[in-house]
């Protein structure tokens, strides 16, 4: 293979973690020996509540920092000390927690345009680009909710708001979309549309990083799962190898059965 800048870029992991420990109040809340995520790769972080999944994501987004090492434990596109603005530009994040912050009576298109400024809605006195609204309408249309553009966001269903927040993240055209428990609080219709949205974005070539404790959220495009338990990586590998009765029973600490159908997985308890 020819050694070109493009080839080197392709070989450089999107994220690389080596010997990272996050400590809070004297207690290790996450320990990661080794993890790489390639450009365009999809991965699902699966594990029980409190296992360390959210802390893992915060390591990637630089919201938390590991213990100091002479060799920096976390790298972004090969950079040991990337600019936070570069990370934010590359990442889009959708979470149930973000949804809880939507408590303003604003039109949907303004909520989406706020993605240009990292705010819910348009900041006062901000210089709004001429193409902001057309881009917002395009993002809403891609997600099948263009008809909601003029609606008050507070009148939408929970599932509709969740998709509006995805459209908001698309305003910065991120190459990586992090979905942190995206189906929490949704009814079956809302879950269906959020999972369809993840599939659409994966098909566009964006990296999907999914955090969940429900295997049902893992779309077929995600072929790699990272199982997290007791603040460390329990297993990391192909979905078809790890999504098994014995592995997930040990992960969650209860007897479980795994069902697979057309690339989708579901858990069933044994009672």
Protein backbone atom coordinates (compact mmCIF):
# COMPACT_ATOMS: atom_id res chain seq x y z
CA UNK A 1 0.00 0.00 0.00
CA UNK A 2 1.40 3.37 -1.04
CA UNK A 3 2.39 5.64 1.87
CA UNK A 4 0.39 8.76 1.08
CA UNK A 5 -1.13 11.38 3.41
CA UNK A 6 -4.59 9.98 2.61
CA UNK A 7 -3.47 6.43 3.44
CA UNK A 8 -1.93 7.59 6.71
CA UNK A 9 -5.11 9.47 7.63
CA UNK A 10 -7.19 6.37 6.91
CA UNK A 11 -4.92 4.29 9.18
CA UNK A 12 -5.10 6.81 12.06
CA UNK A 13 -7.87 5.91 14.51
CA UNK A 14 -10.64 8.39 15.04
CA UNK A 15 -10.25 7.80 18.78
CA UNK A 16 -7.46 5.94 20.56
CA UNK A 17 -7.37 5.18 24.28
CA UNK A 18 -4.45 3.58 26.10
CA UNK A 19 -4.22 2.94 29.85
CA UNK A 20 -6.81 5.54 30.83
CA UNK A 21 -8.14 5.78 34.37
CA UNK A 22 -10.81 8.18 35.54
CA UNK A 23 -10.81 8.70 39.28
CA UNK A 24 -13.38 10.60 41.30
CA UNK A 25 -13.27 11.09 45.08
CA UNK A 26 -10.48 8.52 45.26
CA UNK A 27 -12.49 5.86 43.44
CA UNK A 28 -11.80 4.58 39.92
CA UNK A 29 -15.02 5.08 37.97
CA UNK A 30 -13.57 3.89 34.65
CA UNK A 31 -10.47 2.01 33.56
CA UNK A 32 -9.73 1.46 29.87
CA UNK A 33 -6.63 -0.50 28.91
CA UNK A 34 -6.99 -0.26 25.12
CA UNK A 35 -9.61 1.00 22.66
CA UNK A 36 -9.48 2.18 19.04
CA UNK A 37 -12.32 3.46 16.87
CA UNK A 38 -11.67 3.81 13.16
CA UNK A 39 -13.04 6.60 10.96
CA UNK A 40 -16.52 5.61 9.80
CA UNK A 41 -16.76 2.68 12.23
CA UNK A 42 -19.89 2.09 14.31
CA UNK A 43 -19.90 0.76 17.86
CA UNK A 44 -22.49 0.17 20.59
CA UNK A 45 -21.58 0.50 24.27
CA UNK A 46 -23.77 -1.92 26.15
CA UNK A 47 -23.97 -2.54 29.87
CA UNK A 48 -25.98 -2.07 33.07
CA UNK A 49 -26.71 1.29 34.65
CA UNK A 50 -23.72 2.73 36.49
CA UNK A 51 -21.23 0.54 34.63
CA UNK A 52 -19.25 3.48 33.24
CA UNK A 53 -20.76 3.92 29.75
CA UNK A 54 -21.43 7.64 30.09
CA UNK A 55 -17.99 8.25 31.58
CA UNK A 56 -16.48 6.43 28.59
CA UNK A 57 -18.27 8.86 26.25
CA UNK A 58 -17.15 11.82 28.34
CA UNK A 59 -13.57 10.65 27.88
CA UNK A 60 -14.06 10.93 24.13
CA UNK A 61 -15.72 14.34 24.31
CA UNK A 62 -13.17 15.70 26.82
CA UNK A 63 -15.82 16.36 29.45
CA UNK A 64 -13.75 14.29 31.88
CA UNK A 65 -10.01 13.68 31.90
CA UNK A 66 -8.03 10.57 32.85
CA UNK A 67 -5.13 10.51 35.27
CA UNK A 68 -2.05 12.16 33.80
CA UNK A 69 0.42 9.96 31.92
CA UNK A 70 3.64 10.91 30.18
CA UNK A 71 2.02 9.45 27.06
CA UNK A 72 -1.49 11.03 26.82
CA UNK A 73 -4.08 8.26 27.29
CA UNK A 74 -6.66 9.66 24.85
CA UNK A 75 -5.98 10.75 21.28
CA UNK A 76 -8.35 12.22 18.70
CA UNK A 77 -7.29 11.59 15.08
CA UNK A 78 -3.76 11.04 16.33
CA UNK A 79 -3.62 14.28 18.29
CA UNK A 80 -2.66 14.08 21.93
CA UNK A 81 -3.99 17.56 22.70
CA UNK A 82 -6.64 18.39 20.10
CA UNK A 83 -8.53 21.65 20.26
CA UNK A 84 -11.89 21.28 21.95
CA UNK A 85 -13.41 23.20 19.03
CA UNK A 86 -12.13 20.51 16.61
CA UNK A 87 -13.76 17.77 18.68
CA UNK A 88 -17.06 19.65 18.97
CA UNK A 89 -17.04 20.32 15.24
CA UNK A 90 -16.63 16.62 14.48
CA UNK A 91 -19.12 15.32 17.07
CA UNK A 92 -22.87 15.47 17.31
CA UNK A 93 -24.49 14.30 20.55
CA UNK A 94 -28.12 13.37 21.15
CA UNK A 95 -29.26 12.24 24.58
CA UNK A 96 -32.32 11.94 26.77
CA UNK A 97 -30.60 14.38 29.14
CA UNK A 98 -30.43 17.00 26.39
CA UNK A 99 -34.11 16.38 25.72
CA UNK A 100 -34.89 17.28 29.35
CA UNK A 101 -33.51 20.78 28.67
CA UNK A 102 -36.12 21.51 26.00
CA UNK A 103 -38.38 23.72 28.09
CA UNK A 104 -38.79 26.72 25.79
CA UNK A 105 -41.67 27.75 23.54
CA UNK A 106 -39.80 28.15 20.24
CA UNK A 107 -40.48 27.09 16.65
CA UNK A 108 -38.79 23.85 15.66
CA UNK A 109 -36.72 25.51 12.93
CA UNK A 110 -35.19 27.89 15.51
CA UNK A 111 -34.32 24.96 17.77
CA UNK A 112 -32.55 23.32 14.83
CA UNK A 113 -30.74 26.50 13.74
CA UNK A 114 -29.47 26.82 17.32
CA UNK A 115 -27.18 23.90 16.48
CA UNK A 116 -24.94 26.40 14.69
CA UNK A 117 -24.30 28.13 18.02
CA UNK A 118 -24.51 25.21 20.44
CA UNK A 119 -27.68 26.65 21.95
CA UNK A 120 -31.36 25.80 22.17
CA UNK A 121 -32.74 28.37 19.78
CA UNK A 122 -30.99 31.41 18.35
CA UNK A 123 -28.91 33.57 20.70
CA UNK A 124 -29.91 37.21 20.90
CA UNK A 125 -27.88 39.54 18.69
CA UNK A 126 -26.29 36.56 16.89
CA UNK A 127 -25.34 36.97 13.24
CA UNK A 128 -27.53 34.37 11.52
CA UNK A 129 -26.13 33.02 8.20
CA UNK A 130 -28.43 33.49 5.23
CA UNK A 131 -28.48 29.75 4.59
CA UNK A 132 -29.32 28.79 8.19
CA UNK A 133 -33.04 28.23 7.72
CA UNK A 134 -32.72 26.38 4.37
CA UNK A 135 -30.16 24.09 6.01
CA UNK A 136 -32.45 23.54 8.99
CA UNK A 137 -35.36 22.67 6.70
CA UNK A 138 -33.12 20.29 4.74
CA UNK A 139 -32.05 18.52 7.95
CA UNK A 140 -35.66 18.18 9.08
CA UNK A 141 -36.67 16.89 5.65
CA UNK A 142 -33.94 14.24 5.69
CA UNK A 143 -35.39 12.94 8.95
CA UNK A 144 -38.95 13.01 7.62
CA UNK A 145 -40.21 15.80 9.86
CA UNK A 146 -40.09 18.90 7.63
CA UNK A 147 -43.79 19.47 8.34
CA UNK A 148 -42.90 20.29 11.96
CA UNK A 149 -40.68 23.27 11.11
CA UNK A 150 -43.14 25.96 12.24
CA UNK A 151 -44.54 24.06 15.24
CA UNK A 152 -43.86 25.06 18.82
CA UNK A 153 -41.37 22.45 20.01
CA UNK A 154 -43.30 22.14 23.29
CA UNK A 155 -46.32 20.78 21.39
CA UNK A 156 -44.42 17.82 19.89
CA UNK A 157 -44.37 14.23 21.05
CA UNK A 158 -41.30 12.95 22.86
CA UNK A 159 -40.20 10.99 19.78
CA UNK A 160 -40.58 14.02 17.51
CA UNK A 161 -38.49 16.18 19.83
CA UNK A 162 -35.77 13.53 19.87
CA UNK A 163 -35.57 13.68 16.05
CA UNK A 164 -35.59 17.48 16.11
CA UNK A 165 -32.50 17.30 18.35
CA UNK A 166 -30.83 15.03 15.79
CA UNK A 167 -31.59 17.60 13.06
CA UNK A 168 -30.07 20.27 15.33
CA UNK A 169 -26.82 18.31 15.52
CA UNK A 170 -26.75 17.92 11.73
CA UNK A 171 -26.39 21.68 11.31
CA UNK A 172 -22.65 21.31 11.95
CA UNK A 173 -22.39 18.30 9.60
CA UNK A 174 -20.66 16.06 12.18
CA UNK A 175 -18.81 12.95 11.06
CA UNK A 176 -19.53 11.20 14.37
CA UNK A 177 -22.96 10.97 15.99
CA UNK A 178 -23.10 9.89 19.63
CA UNK A 179 -26.51 8.62 20.74
CA UNK A 180 -26.61 8.38 24.53
CA UNK A 181 -29.62 6.26 25.58
CA UNK A 182 -31.59 7.73 22.63
CA UNK A 183 -34.76 5.68 23.17
CA UNK A 184 -35.22 6.38 26.88
CA UNK A 185 -38.77 7.55 27.55
CA UNK A 186 -40.05 6.82 24.04
CA UNK A 187 -43.07 4.79 23.01
CA UNK A 188 -42.69 2.09 20.31
CA UNK A 189 -43.36 4.57 17.48
CA UNK A 190 -40.73 6.97 18.81
CA UNK A 191 -38.21 4.14 19.22
CA UNK A 192 -38.83 3.01 15.65
CA UNK A 193 -38.17 6.46 14.20
CA UNK A 194 -35.05 7.09 16.29
CA UNK A 195 -33.59 3.73 15.23
CA UNK A 196 -34.47 4.51 11.60
CA UNK A 197 -32.66 7.84 12.00
CA UNK A 198 -29.52 6.10 13.28
CA UNK A 199 -29.66 3.73 10.29
CA UNK A 200 -30.01 6.66 7.88
CA UNK A 201 -27.00 8.49 9.33
CA UNK A 202 -24.90 5.31 9.34
CA UNK A 203 -25.73 4.82 5.65
CA UNK A 204 -24.41 8.34 5.00
CA UNK A 205 -20.99 7.22 6.21
CA UNK A 206 -21.05 8.89 9.61
CA UNK A 207 -19.69 7.00 12.62
CA UNK A 208 -22.45 5.99 15.02
CA UNK A 209 -21.52 5.57 18.68
CA UNK A 210 -24.50 4.24 20.60
CA UNK A 211 -24.73 4.07 24.39
CA UNK A 212 -27.53 1.86 25.67
CA UNK A 213 -28.53 -0.89 28.05
CA UNK A 214 -31.10 -2.23 25.56
CA UNK A 215 -29.82 -4.52 22.78
CA UNK A 216 -33.00 -3.62 20.86
CA UNK A 217 -31.46 -0.19 20.16
CA UNK A 218 -28.48 -1.66 18.29
CA UNK A 219 -29.21 -1.15 14.59
CA UNK A 220 -27.94 -3.78 12.11
CA UNK A 221 -25.31 -1.34 10.75
CA UNK A 222 -23.52 -1.52 14.11
CA UNK A 223 -21.45 -4.68 13.96
CA UNK A 224 -19.18 -4.05 16.95
CA UNK A 225 -20.20 -4.00 20.59
CA UNK A 226 -18.25 -2.86 23.61
CA UNK A 227 -19.55 -4.45 26.79
CA UNK A 228 -18.88 -2.45 29.95
CA UNK A 229 -19.25 -3.74 33.49
CA UNK A 230 -17.89 -2.61 36.85
CA UNK A 231 -16.07 0.42 35.37
CA UNK A 232 -14.05 -1.53 32.80
CA UNK A 233 -14.34 -3.17 29.40
CA UNK A 234 -15.88 -6.59 29.90
CA UNK A 235 -15.63 -7.59 26.22
CA UNK A 236 -15.07 -5.94 22.84
CA UNK A 237 -15.78 -7.61 19.53
CA UNK A 238 -18.22 -8.52 16.76
CA UNK A 239 -21.87 -8.33 17.69
CA UNK A 240 -22.60 -11.81 16.33
CA UNK A 241 -20.05 -13.30 18.74
CA UNK A 242 -20.89 -11.34 21.90
CA UNK A 243 -24.67 -11.12 21.71
CA UNK A 244 -25.16 -14.53 23.28
CA UNK A 245 -27.14 -15.84 26.24
CA UNK A 246 -24.18 -16.65 28.46
CA UNK A 247 -22.25 -13.44 27.71
CA UNK A 248 -25.13 -11.02 28.35
CA UNK A 249 -26.32 -13.01 31.37
CA UNK A 250 -22.89 -12.50 32.91
CA UNK A 251 -22.81 -8.85 31.83
CA UNK A 252 -26.13 -7.97 33.47
CA UNK A 253 -25.90 -10.49 36.32
CA UNK A 254 -29.26 -12.15 35.63
CA UNK A 255 -30.28 -15.09 33.42
CA UNK A 256 -31.13 -13.79 29.94
CA UNK A 257 -31.92 -15.19 26.55
CA UNK A 258 -30.92 -13.39 23.35
CA UNK A 259 -33.09 -13.47 20.26
CA UNK A 260 -31.87 -12.39 16.80
CA UNK A 261 -33.97 -11.56 13.77
CA UNK A 262 -32.68 -9.98 10.55
CA UNK A 263 -29.75 -8.32 12.32
CA UNK A 264 -31.79 -7.04 15.27
CA UNK A 265 -31.31 -8.38 18.80
CA UNK A 266 -33.60 -8.52 21.81
CA UNK A 267 -33.33 -9.74 25.39
CA UNK A 268 -35.79 -11.98 27.15
CA UNK A 269 -35.56 -12.79 30.84
CA UNK A 270 -35.79 -16.38 32.04
CA UNK A 271 -38.27 -16.60 34.92
